[in-house]
Amino acid sequence: SQLILVDYANMRDANNQNDKRCDLPLELKNKLAKHKQAD
């Protein structure tokens, strides 16, 4: 359950509702919580 992140690119424009790129910080926080990892 340890996590290894390869690159970090938060490319989404939060002000553009049509931007299809994911909310990377939110997704990664959810992954940390799912796998019970703080870091």
PDB file of all heavy atoms in Angstrom:
ATOM      1  N   SER A   1       0.794  -1.235   0.000  1.00  0.00           N
ATOM      2  CA  SER A   1       0.000   0.000   0.000  1.00  0.00           C
ATOM      3  C   SER A   1       0.822   1.280   0.000  1.00  0.00           C
ATOM      4  O   SER A   1       0.247   2.377  -0.019  1.00  0.00           O
ATOM      5  CB  SER A   1      -0.998   0.040   1.171  1.00  0.00           C
ATOM      6  OG  SER A   1      -1.992  -0.968   1.012  1.00  0.00           O
ATOM      7  N   GLN A   2       2.148   1.194   0.014  1.00  0.00           N
ATOM      8  CA  GLN A   2       2.955   2.398  -0.127  1.00  0.00           C
ATOM      9  C   GLN A   2       2.786   2.972  -1.533  1.00  0.00           C
ATOM     10  O   GLN A   2       2.575   2.234  -2.498  1.00  0.00           O
ATOM     11  CB  GLN A   2       4.427   2.096   0.149  1.00  0.00           C
ATOM     12  CG  GLN A   2       4.722   1.799   1.604  1.00  0.00           C
ATOM     13  CD  GLN A   2       6.205   1.596   1.862  1.00  0.00           C
ATOM     14  OE1 GLN A   2       6.962   1.210   0.968  1.00  0.00           O
ATOM     15  NE2 GLN A   2       6.633   1.836   3.089  1.00  0.00           N
ATOM     16  N   LEU A   3       2.892   4.295  -1.641  1.00  0.00           N
ATOM     17  CA  LEU A   3       2.599   4.980  -2.893  1.00  0.00           C
ATOM     18  C   LEU A   3       3.846   5.637  -3.481  1.00  0.00           C
ATOM     19  O   LEU A   3       4.594   6.313  -2.779  1.00  0.00           O
ATOM     20  CB  LEU A   3       1.527   6.046  -2.667  1.00  0.00           C
ATOM     21  CG  LEU A   3       0.175   5.523  -2.160  1.00  0.00           C
ATOM     22  CD1 LEU A   3      -0.772   6.678  -1.892  1.00  0.00           C
ATOM     23  CD2 LEU A   3      -0.438   4.543  -3.150  1.00  0.00           C
ATOM     24  N   ILE A   4       4.009   5.434  -4.783  1.00  0.00           N
ATOM     25  CA  ILE A   4       5.112   6.033  -5.529  1.00  0.00           C
ATOM     26  C   ILE A   4       4.510   6.877  -6.641  1.00  0.00           C
ATOM     27  O   ILE A   4       3.822   6.362  -7.519  1.00  0.00           O
ATOM     28  CB  ILE A   4       6.049   4.955  -6.099  1.00  0.00           C
ATOM     29  CG1 ILE A   4       6.718   4.199  -4.951  1.00  0.00           C
ATOM     30  CG2 ILE A   4       7.093   5.578  -7.033  1.00  0.00           C
ATOM     31  CD1 ILE A   4       7.633   3.085  -5.396  1.00  0.00           C
ATOM     32  N   LEU A   5       4.762   8.163  -6.584  1.00  0.00           N
ATOM     33  CA  LEU A   5       4.226   9.094  -7.573  1.00  0.00           C
ATOM     34  C   LEU A   5       5.309   9.414  -8.593  1.00  0.00           C
ATOM     35  O   LEU A   5       6.425   9.797  -8.230  1.00  0.00           O
ATOM     36  CB  LEU A   5       3.766  10.379  -6.887  1.00  0.00           C
ATOM     37  CG  LEU A   5       3.014  11.384  -7.759  1.00  0.00           C
ATOM     38  CD1 LEU A   5       1.678  10.824  -8.209  1.00  0.00           C
ATOM     39  CD2 LEU A   5       2.828  12.709  -7.017  1.00  0.00           C
ATOM     40  N   VAL A   6       4.972   9.243  -9.867  1.00  0.00           N
ATOM     41  CA  VAL A   6       5.914   9.531 -10.941  1.00  0.00           C
ATOM     42  C   VAL A   6       5.415  10.776 -11.682  1.00  0.00           C
ATOM     43  O   VAL A   6       4.448  10.719 -12.438  1.00  0.00           O
ATOM     44  CB  VAL A   6       6.054   8.346 -11.909  1.00  0.00           C
ATOM     45  CG1 VAL A   6       7.132   8.643 -12.953  1.00  0.00           C
ATOM     46  CG2 VAL A   6       6.397   7.065 -11.155  1.00  0.00           C
ATOM     47  N   ASP A   7       6.040  11.903 -11.385  1.00  0.00           N
ATOM     48  CA  ASP A   7       5.699  13.221 -11.909  1.00  0.00           C
ATOM     49  C   ASP A   7       4.403  13.745 -11.288  1.00  0.00           C
ATOM     50  O   ASP A   7       3.549  12.981 -10.819  1.00  0.00           O
ATOM     51  CB  ASP A   7       5.610  13.231 -13.434  1.00  0.00           C
ATOM     52  CG  ASP A   7       6.968  13.020 -14.095  1.00  0.00           C
ATOM     53  OD1 ASP A   7       7.949  13.607 -13.616  1.00  0.00           O
ATOM     54  OD2 ASP A   7       7.050  12.255 -15.080  1.00  0.00           O
ATOM     55  N   TYR A   8       4.290  15.071 -11.297  1.00  0.00           N
ATOM     56  CA  TYR A   8       3.108  15.750 -10.772  1.00  0.00           C
ATOM     57  C   TYR A   8       2.853  16.952 -11.659  1.00  0.00           C
ATOM     58  O   TYR A   8       3.672  17.881 -11.713  1.00  0.00           O
ATOM     59  CB  TYR A   8       3.322  16.198  -9.322  1.00  0.00           C
ATOM     60  CG  TYR A   8       2.151  16.960  -8.744  1.00  0.00           C
ATOM     61  CD1 TYR A   8       1.189  16.320  -7.981  1.00  0.00           C
ATOM     62  CD2 TYR A   8       2.000  18.336  -8.974  1.00  0.00           C
ATOM     63  CE1 TYR A   8       0.097  17.011  -7.457  1.00  0.00           C
ATOM     64  CE2 TYR A   8       0.919  19.032  -8.464  1.00  0.00           C
ATOM     65  CZ  TYR A   8      -0.035  18.373  -7.702  1.00  0.00           C
ATOM     66  OH  TYR A   8      -1.111  19.070  -7.196  1.00  0.00           O
ATOM     67  N   ALA A   9       1.742  16.940 -12.380  1.00  0.00           N
ATOM     68  CA  ALA A   9       1.437  18.044 -13.292  1.00  0.00           C
ATOM     69  C   ALA A   9      -0.036  18.406 -13.165  1.00  0.00           C
ATOM     70  O   ALA A   9      -0.894  17.773 -13.774  1.00  0.00           O
ATOM     71  CB  ALA A   9       1.766  17.660 -14.733  1.00  0.00           C
ATOM     72  N   ASN A  10      -0.317  19.391 -12.348  1.00  0.00           N
ATOM     73  CA  ASN A  10      -1.690  19.843 -12.149  1.00  0.00           C
ATOM     74  C   ASN A  10      -2.022  20.861 -13.240  1.00  0.00           C
ATOM     75  O   ASN A  10      -1.891  22.072 -13.059  1.00  0.00           O
ATOM     76  CB  ASN A  10      -1.857  20.470 -10.768  1.00  0.00           C
ATOM     77  CG  ASN A  10      -3.292  20.875 -10.491  1.00  0.00           C
ATOM     78  OD1 ASN A  10      -4.225  20.366 -11.112  1.00  0.00           O
ATOM     79  ND2 ASN A  10      -3.471  21.794  -9.556  1.00  0.00           N
ATOM     80  N   MET A  11      -2.470  20.376 -14.386  1.00  0.00           N
ATOM     81  CA  MET A  11      -2.646  21.201 -15.578  1.00  0.00           C
ATOM     82  C   MET A  11      -4.045  21.797 -15.708  1.00  0.00           C
ATOM     83  O   MET A  11      -4.277  22.657 -16.549  1.00  0.00           O
ATOM     84  CB  MET A  11      -2.343  20.372 -16.832  1.00  0.00           C
ATOM     85  CG  MET A  11      -0.998  19.654 -16.808  1.00  0.00           C
ATOM     86  SD  MET A  11       0.405  20.766 -16.623  1.00  0.00           S
ATOM     87  CE  MET A  11       0.466  21.532 -18.246  1.00  0.00           C
ATOM     88  N   ARG A  12      -4.985  21.368 -14.894  1.00  0.00           N
ATOM     89  CA  ARG A  12      -6.374  21.788 -15.066  1.00  0.00           C
ATOM     90  C   ARG A  12      -6.563  23.262 -14.721  1.00  0.00           C
ATOM     91  O   ARG A  12      -6.029  23.768 -13.734  1.00  0.00           O
ATOM     92  CB  ARG A  12      -7.288  20.940 -14.190  1.00  0.00           C
ATOM     93  CG  ARG A  12      -8.778  21.187 -14.422  1.00  0.00           C
ATOM     94  CD  ARG A  12      -9.627  20.196 -13.655  1.00  0.00           C
ATOM     95  NE  ARG A  12     -11.030  20.350 -13.984  1.00  0.00           N
ATOM     96  CZ  ARG A  12     -11.851  21.201 -13.364  1.00  0.00           C
ATOM     97  NH1 ARG A  12     -11.393  21.944 -12.367  1.00  0.00           N
ATOM     98  NH2 ARG A  12     -13.115  21.290 -13.725  1.00  0.00           N
ATOM     99  N   ASP A  13      -7.349  23.947 -15.532  1.00  0.00           N
ATOM    100  CA  ASP A  13      -7.738  25.324 -15.288  1.00  0.00           C
ATOM    101  C   ASP A  13      -9.011  25.305 -14.451  1.00  0.00           C
ATOM    102  O   ASP A  13     -10.100  25.012 -14.961  1.00  0.00           O
ATOM    103  CB  ASP A  13      -7.972  26.056 -16.607  1.00  0.00           C
ATOM    104  CG  ASP A  13      -8.369  27.514 -16.420  1.00  0.00           C
ATOM    105  OD1 ASP A  13      -8.530  27.949 -15.252  1.00  0.00           O
ATOM    106  OD2 ASP A  13      -8.535  28.225 -17.433  1.00  0.00           O
ATOM    107  N   ALA A  14      -8.882  25.612 -13.178  1.00  0.00           N
ATOM    108  CA  ALA A  14     -10.024  25.522 -12.262  1.00  0.00           C
ATOM    109  C   ALA A  14     -11.135  26.500 -12.627  1.00  0.00           C
ATOM    110  O   ALA A  14     -12.296  26.323 -12.205  1.00  0.00           O
ATOM    111  CB  ALA A  14      -9.558  25.770 -10.835  1.00  0.00           C
ATOM    112  N   ASN A  15     -10.820  27.528 -13.393  1.00  0.00           N
ATOM    113  CA  ASN A  15     -11.816  28.527 -13.779  1.00  0.00           C
ATOM    114  C   ASN A  15     -12.548  28.167 -15.067  1.00  0.00           C
ATOM    115  O   ASN A  15     -13.444  28.896 -15.494  1.00  0.00           O
ATOM    116  CB  ASN A  15     -11.147  29.894 -13.944  1.00  0.00           C
ATOM    117  CG  ASN A  15     -10.554  30.393 -12.644  1.00  0.00           C
ATOM    118  OD1 ASN A  15     -11.171  30.280 -11.590  1.00  0.00           O
ATOM    119  ND2 ASN A  15      -9.333  30.916 -12.709  1.00  0.00           N
ATOM    120  N   ASN A  16     -12.159  27.066 -15.690  1.00  0.00           N
ATOM    121  CA  ASN A  16     -12.769  26.640 -16.945  1.00  0.00           C
ATOM    122  C   ASN A  16     -13.574  25.368 -16.712  1.00  0.00           C
ATOM    123  O   ASN A  16     -13.007  24.281 -16.563  1.00  0.00           O
ATOM    124  CB  ASN A  16     -11.689  26.410 -18.001  1.00  0.00           C
ATOM    125  CG  ASN A  16     -12.260  25.995 -19.345  1.00  0.00           C
ATOM    126  OD1 ASN A  16     -13.477  25.869 -19.522  1.00  0.00           O
ATOM    127  ND2 ASN A  16     -11.378  25.761 -20.305  1.00  0.00           N
ATOM    128  N   GLN A  17     -14.884  25.502 -16.683  1.00  0.00           N
ATOM    129  CA  GLN A  17     -15.747  24.362 -16.409  1.00  0.00           C
ATOM    130  C   GLN A  17     -15.691  23.297 -17.503  1.00  0.00           C
ATOM    131  O   GLN A  17     -16.095  22.160 -17.301  1.00  0.00           O
ATOM    132  CB  GLN A  17     -17.194  24.840 -16.228  1.00  0.00           C
ATOM    133  CG  GLN A  17     -17.395  25.745 -15.024  1.00  0.00           C
ATOM    134  CD  GLN A  17     -17.057  25.050 -13.716  1.00  0.00           C
ATOM    135  OE1 GLN A  17     -17.446  23.908 -13.492  1.00  0.00           O
ATOM    136  NE2 GLN A  17     -16.313  25.732 -12.852  1.00  0.00           N
ATOM    137  N   ASN A  18     -15.199  23.679 -18.671  1.00  0.00           N
ATOM    138  CA  ASN A  18     -15.111  22.741 -19.791  1.00  0.00           C
ATOM    139  C   ASN A  18     -13.770  22.017 -19.860  1.00  0.00           C
ATOM    140  O   ASN A  18     -13.562  21.210 -20.769  1.00  0.00           O
ATOM    141  CB  ASN A  18     -15.363  23.478 -21.106  1.00  0.00           C
ATOM    142  CG  ASN A  18     -16.775  24.025 -21.198  1.00  0.00           C
ATOM    143  OD1 ASN A  18     -17.730  23.359 -20.803  1.00  0.00           O
ATOM    144  ND2 ASN A  18     -16.905  25.253 -21.688  1.00  0.00           N
ATOM    145  N   ASP A  19     -12.888  22.304 -18.926  1.00  0.00           N
ATOM    146  CA  ASP A  19     -11.579  21.652 -18.924  1.00  0.00           C
ATOM    147  C   ASP A  19     -11.755  20.196 -18.502  1.00  0.00           C
ATOM    148  O   ASP A  19     -12.227  19.913 -17.392  1.00  0.00           O
ATOM    149  CB  ASP A  19     -10.634  22.379 -17.960  1.00  0.00           C
ATOM    150  CG  ASP A  19      -9.177  21.991 -18.153  1.00  0.00           C
ATOM    151  OD1 ASP A  19      -8.917  20.856 -18.592  1.00  0.00           O
ATOM    152  OD2 ASP A  19      -8.295  22.823 -17.866  1.00  0.00           O
ATOM    153  N   LYS A  20     -11.378  19.265 -19.372  1.00  0.00           N
ATOM    154  CA  LYS A  20     -11.580  17.835 -19.131  1.00  0.00           C
ATOM    155  C   LYS A  20     -10.481  17.212 -18.273  1.00  0.00           C
ATOM    156  O   LYS A  20     -10.594  16.061 -17.851  1.00  0.00           O
ATOM    157  CB  LYS A  20     -11.659  17.082 -20.459  1.00  0.00           C
ATOM    158  CG  LYS A  20     -12.737  17.592 -21.416  1.00  0.00           C
ATOM    159  CD  LYS A  20     -14.124  17.455 -20.844  1.00  0.00           C
ATOM    160  CE  LYS A  20     -15.173  17.917 -21.856  1.00  0.00           C
ATOM    161  NZ  LYS A  20     -16.534  17.872 -21.297  1.00  0.00           N
ATOM    162  N   ARG A  21      -9.404  17.950 -18.054  1.00  0.00           N
ATOM    163  CA  ARG A  21      -8.309  17.413 -17.250  1.00  0.00           C
ATOM    164  C   ARG A  21      -8.754  17.283 -15.792  1.00  0.00           C
ATOM    165  O   ARG A  21      -9.528  18.086 -15.294  1.00  0.00           O
ATOM    166  CB  ARG A  21      -7.076  18.294 -17.389  1.00  0.00           C
ATOM    167  CG  ARG A  21      -6.500  18.289 -18.796  1.00  0.00           C
ATOM    168  CD  ARG A  21      -5.431  19.330 -19.017  1.00  0.00           C
ATOM    169  NE  ARG A  21      -5.969  20.700 -18.962  1.00  0.00           N
ATOM    170  CZ  ARG A  21      -5.287  21.776 -19.307  1.00  0.00           C
ATOM    171  NH1 ARG A  21      -4.044  21.658 -19.732  1.00  0.00           N
ATOM    172  NH2 ARG A  21      -5.841  22.970 -19.225  1.00  0.00           N
ATOM    173  N   CYS A  22      -8.240  16.268 -15.106  1.00  0.00           N
ATOM    174  CA  CYS A  22      -8.731  15.966 -13.767  1.00  0.00           C
ATOM    175  C   CYS A  22      -8.224  16.971 -12.730  1.00  0.00           C
ATOM    176  O   CYS A  22      -7.238  17.685 -12.944  1.00  0.00           O
ATOM    177  CB  CYS A  22      -8.335  14.551 -13.355  1.00  0.00           C
ATOM    178  SG  CYS A  22      -6.580  14.345 -12.970  1.00  0.00           S
ATOM    179  N   ASP A  23      -8.917  16.990 -11.614  1.00  0.00           N
ATOM    180  CA  ASP A  23      -8.491  17.777 -10.449  1.00  0.00           C
ATOM    181  C   ASP A  23      -7.437  16.928  -9.726  1.00  0.00           C
ATOM    182  O   ASP A  23      -7.763  16.119  -8.858  1.00  0.00           O
ATOM    183  CB  ASP A  23      -9.695  18.061  -9.552  1.00  0.00           C
ATOM    184  CG  ASP A  23      -9.359  18.932  -8.349  1.00  0.00           C
ATOM    185  OD1 ASP A  23      -8.173  18.984  -7.965  1.00  0.00           O
ATOM    186  OD2 ASP A  23     -10.282  19.546  -7.794  1.00  0.00           O
ATOM    187  N   LEU A  24      -6.191  17.095 -10.112  1.00  0.00           N
ATOM    188  CA  LEU A  24      -5.132  16.199  -9.642  1.00  0.00           C
ATOM    189  C   LEU A  24      -4.946  16.222  -8.125  1.00  0.00           C
ATOM    190  O   LEU A  24      -4.842  15.150  -7.511  1.00  0.00           O
ATOM    191  CB  LEU A  24      -3.818  16.512 -10.358  1.00  0.00           C
ATOM    192  CG  LEU A  24      -2.665  15.568 -10.053  1.00  0.00           C
ATOM    193  CD1 LEU A  24      -2.990  14.144 -10.475  1.00  0.00           C
ATOM    194  CD2 LEU A  24      -1.381  16.047 -10.743  1.00  0.00           C
ATOM    195  N   PRO A  25      -4.894  17.392  -7.465  1.00  0.00           N
ATOM    196  CA  PRO A  25      -4.740  17.369  -6.003  1.00  0.00           C
ATOM    197  C   PRO A  25      -5.841  16.576  -5.307  1.00  0.00           C
ATOM    198  O   PRO A  25      -5.566  15.795  -4.387  1.00  0.00           O
ATOM    199  CB  PRO A  25      -4.784  18.852  -5.623  1.00  0.00           C
ATOM    200  CG  PRO A  25      -4.347  19.573  -6.846  1.00  0.00           C
ATOM    201  CD  PRO A  25      -4.885  18.766  -7.991  1.00  0.00           C
ATOM    202  N   LEU A  26      -7.082  16.748  -5.758  1.00  0.00           N
ATOM    203  CA  LEU A  26      -8.191  16.019  -5.155  1.00  0.00           C
ATOM    204  C   LEU A  26      -8.057  14.519  -5.387  1.00  0.00           C
ATOM    205  O   LEU A  26      -8.249  13.716  -4.463  1.00  0.00           O
ATOM    206  CB  LEU A  26      -9.515  16.522  -5.731  1.00  0.00           C
ATOM    207  CG  LEU A  26     -10.780  15.798  -5.254  1.00  0.00           C
ATOM    208  CD1 LEU A  26     -10.937  15.922  -3.743  1.00  0.00           C
ATOM    209  CD2 LEU A  26     -12.009  16.343  -5.969  1.00  0.00           C
ATOM    210  N   GLU A  27      -7.722  14.141  -6.617  1.00  0.00           N
ATOM    211  CA  GLU A  27      -7.589  12.721  -6.920  1.00  0.00           C
ATOM    212  C   GLU A  27      -6.486  12.066  -6.086  1.00  0.00           C
ATOM    213  O   GLU A  27      -6.642  10.945  -5.592  1.00  0.00           O
ATOM    214  CB  GLU A  27      -7.314  12.513  -8.415  1.00  0.00           C
ATOM    215  CG  GLU A  27      -8.428  12.952  -9.345  1.00  0.00           C
ATOM    216  CD  GLU A  27      -9.710  12.155  -9.176  1.00  0.00           C
ATOM    217  OE1 GLU A  27      -9.685  11.091  -8.543  1.00  0.00           O
ATOM    218  OE2 GLU A  27     -10.748  12.614  -9.689  1.00  0.00           O
ATOM    219  N   LEU A  28      -5.370  12.763  -5.925  1.00  0.00           N
ATOM    220  CA  LEU A  28      -4.263  12.189  -5.153  1.00  0.00           C
ATOM    221  C   LEU A  28      -4.592  12.118  -3.666  1.00  0.00           C
ATOM    222  O   LEU A  28      -4.226  11.148  -2.985  1.00  0.00           O
ATOM    223  CB  LEU A  28      -2.991  12.997  -5.383  1.00  0.00           C
ATOM    224  CG  LEU A  28      -2.357  12.830  -6.766  1.00  0.00           C
ATOM    225  CD1 LEU A  28      -1.130  13.725  -6.909  1.00  0.00           C
ATOM    226  CD2 LEU A  28      -1.967  11.378  -7.032  1.00  0.00           C
ATOM    227  N   LYS A  29      -5.286  13.107  -3.151  1.00  0.00           N
ATOM    228  CA  LYS A  29      -5.700  13.054  -1.744  1.00  0.00           C
ATOM    229  C   LYS A  29      -6.641  11.883  -1.512  1.00  0.00           C
ATOM    230  O   LYS A  29      -6.575  11.205  -0.483  1.00  0.00           O
ATOM    231  CB  LYS A  29      -6.360  14.372  -1.346  1.00  0.00           C
ATOM    232  CG  LYS A  29      -5.381  15.524  -1.203  1.00  0.00           C
ATOM    233  CD  LYS A  29      -6.092  16.827  -0.882  1.00  0.00           C
ATOM    234  CE  LYS A  29      -5.091  17.981  -0.793  1.00  0.00           C
ATOM    235  NZ  LYS A  29      -5.777  19.276  -0.536  1.00  0.00           N
ATOM    236  N   ASN A  30      -7.520  11.641  -2.484  1.00  0.00           N
ATOM    237  CA  ASN A  30      -8.420  10.494  -2.366  1.00  0.00           C
ATOM    238  C   ASN A  30      -7.658   9.175  -2.409  1.00  0.00           C
ATOM    239  O   ASN A  30      -8.009   8.213  -1.698  1.00  0.00           O
ATOM    240  CB  ASN A  30      -9.465  10.534  -3.473  1.00  0.00           C
ATOM    241  CG  ASN A  30     -10.499  11.625  -3.271  1.00  0.00           C
ATOM    242  OD1 ASN A  30     -10.683  12.115  -2.160  1.00  0.00           O
ATOM    243  ND2 ASN A  30     -11.173  12.022  -4.344  1.00  0.00           N
ATOM    244  N   LYS A  31      -6.616   9.116  -3.242  1.00  0.00           N
ATOM    245  CA  LYS A  31      -5.794   7.901  -3.310  1.00  0.00           C
ATOM    246  C   LYS A  31      -5.040   7.674  -2.000  1.00  0.00           C
ATOM    247  O   LYS A  31      -4.934   6.537  -1.516  1.00  0.00           O
ATOM    248  CB  LYS A  31      -4.808   7.997  -4.477  1.00  0.00           C
ATOM    249  CG  LYS A  31      -5.444   7.882  -5.854  1.00  0.00           C
ATOM    250  CD  LYS A  31      -5.978   6.483  -6.116  1.00  0.00           C
ATOM    251  CE  LYS A  31      -6.480   6.343  -7.541  1.00  0.00           C
ATOM    252  NZ  LYS A  31      -7.061   5.001  -7.794  1.00  0.00           N
ATOM    253  N   LEU A  32      -4.505   8.740  -1.433  1.00  0.00           N
ATOM    254  CA  LEU A  32      -3.828   8.623  -0.139  1.00  0.00           C
ATOM    255  C   LEU A  32      -4.785   8.073   0.918  1.00  0.00           C
ATOM    256  O   LEU A  32      -4.437   7.171   1.692  1.00  0.00           O
ATOM    257  CB  LEU A  32      -3.274   9.974   0.291  1.00  0.00           C
ATOM    258  CG  LEU A  32      -2.022  10.473  -0.434  1.00  0.00           C
ATOM    259  CD1 LEU A  32      -1.849  11.972  -0.242  1.00  0.00           C
ATOM    260  CD2 LEU A  32      -0.771   9.742   0.060  1.00  0.00           C
ATOM    261  N   ALA A  33      -5.997   8.626   0.945  1.00  0.00           N
ATOM    262  CA  ALA A  33      -6.977   8.180   1.935  1.00  0.00           C
ATOM    263  C   ALA A  33      -7.389   6.728   1.683  1.00  0.00           C
ATOM    264  O   ALA A  33      -7.492   5.934   2.631  1.00  0.00           O
ATOM    265  CB  ALA A  33      -8.196   9.095   1.892  1.00  0.00           C
ATOM    266  N   LYS A  34      -7.609   6.374   0.427  1.00  0.00           N
ATOM    267  CA  LYS A  34      -8.031   5.012   0.088  1.00  0.00           C
ATOM    268  C   LYS A  34      -7.018   3.987   0.563  1.00  0.00           C
ATOM    269  O   LYS A  34      -7.395   2.919   1.079  1.00  0.00           O
ATOM    270  CB  LYS A  34      -8.233   4.894  -1.423  1.00  0.00           C
ATOM    271  CG  LYS A  34      -8.551   3.482  -1.895  1.00  0.00           C
ATOM    272  CD  LYS A  34      -8.659   3.400  -3.411  1.00  0.00           C
ATOM    273  CE  LYS A  34      -8.898   1.967  -3.874  1.00  0.00           C
ATOM    274  NZ  LYS A  34      -9.002   1.874  -5.354  1.00  0.00           N
ATOM    275  N   HIS A  35      -5.734   4.298   0.398  1.00  0.00           N
ATOM    276  CA  HIS A  35      -4.687   3.345   0.752  1.00  0.00           C
ATOM    277  C   HIS A  35      -4.128   3.588   2.154  1.00  0.00           C
ATOM    278  O   HIS A  35      -3.114   2.994   2.537  1.00  0.00           O
ATOM    279  CB  HIS A  35      -3.569   3.406  -0.287  1.00  0.00           C
ATOM    280  CG  HIS A  35      -4.018   2.982  -1.655  1.00  0.00           C
ATOM    281  ND1 HIS A  35      -4.332   1.679  -1.960  1.00  0.00           N
ATOM    282  CD2 HIS A  35      -4.227   3.700  -2.791  1.00  0.00           C
ATOM    283  CE1 HIS A  35      -4.707   1.602  -3.226  1.00  0.00           C
ATOM    284  NE2 HIS A  35      -4.657   2.804  -3.754  1.00  0.00           N
ATOM    285  N   LYS A  36      -4.783   4.474   2.909  1.00  0.00           N
ATOM    286  CA  LYS A  36      -4.436   4.748   4.308  1.00  0.00           C
ATOM    287  C   LYS A  36      -2.979   5.183   4.450  1.00  0.00           C
ATOM    288  O   LYS A  36      -2.251   4.713   5.332  1.00  0.00           O
ATOM    289  CB  LYS A  36      -4.736   3.517   5.172  1.00  0.00           C
ATOM    290  CG  LYS A  36      -6.204   3.116   5.151  1.00  0.00           C
ATOM    291  CD  LYS A  36      -6.470   1.885   6.022  1.00  0.00           C
ATOM    292  CE  LYS A  36      -7.951   1.509   5.958  1.00  0.00           C
ATOM    293  NZ  LYS A  36      -8.251   0.303   6.789  1.00  0.00           N
ATOM    294  N   GLN A  37      -2.580   6.092   3.560  1.00  0.00           N
ATOM    295  CA  GLN A  37      -1.222   6.629   3.575  1.00  0.00           C
ATOM    296  C   GLN A  37      -1.285   8.135   3.826  1.00  0.00           C
ATOM    297  O   GLN A  37      -2.121   8.834   3.238  1.00  0.00           O
ATOM    298  CB  GLN A  37      -0.527   6.363   2.246  1.00  0.00           C
ATOM    299  CG  GLN A  37      -0.391   4.902   1.879  1.00  0.00           C
ATOM    300  CD  GLN A  37       0.533   4.137   2.800  1.00  0.00           C
ATOM    301  OE1 GLN A  37       1.698   4.505   2.975  1.00  0.00           O
ATOM    302  NE2 GLN A  37       0.036   3.067   3.401  1.00  0.00           N
ATOM    303  N   ALA A  38      -0.404   8.622   4.674  1.00  0.00           N
ATOM    304  CA  ALA A  38      -0.332  10.067   4.914  1.00  0.00           C
ATOM    305  C   ALA A  38       0.621  10.729   3.932  1.00  0.00           C
ATOM    306  O   ALA A  38       0.438  11.907   3.573  1.00  0.00           O
ATOM    307  CB  ALA A  38       0.118  10.346   6.348  1.00  0.00           C
ATOM    308  N   ASP A  39       1.640   9.963   3.489  1.00  0.00           N
ATOM    309  CA  ASP A  39       2.700  10.521   2.668  1.00  0.00           C
ATOM    310  C   ASP A  39       3.006   9.595   1.493  1.00  0.00           C
ATOM    311  O   ASP A  39       2.550   8.443   1.437  1.00  0.00           O
ATOM    312  CB  ASP A  39       3.973  10.717   3.504  1.00  0.00           C
ATOM    313  CG  ASP A  39       3.724  11.509   4.777  1.00  0.00           C
ATOM    314  OD1 ASP A  39       3.103  12.578   4.665  1.00  0.00           O
ATOM    315  OD2 ASP A  39       4.135  11.044   5.859  1.00  0.00           O
TER     316      ASP A  39
END
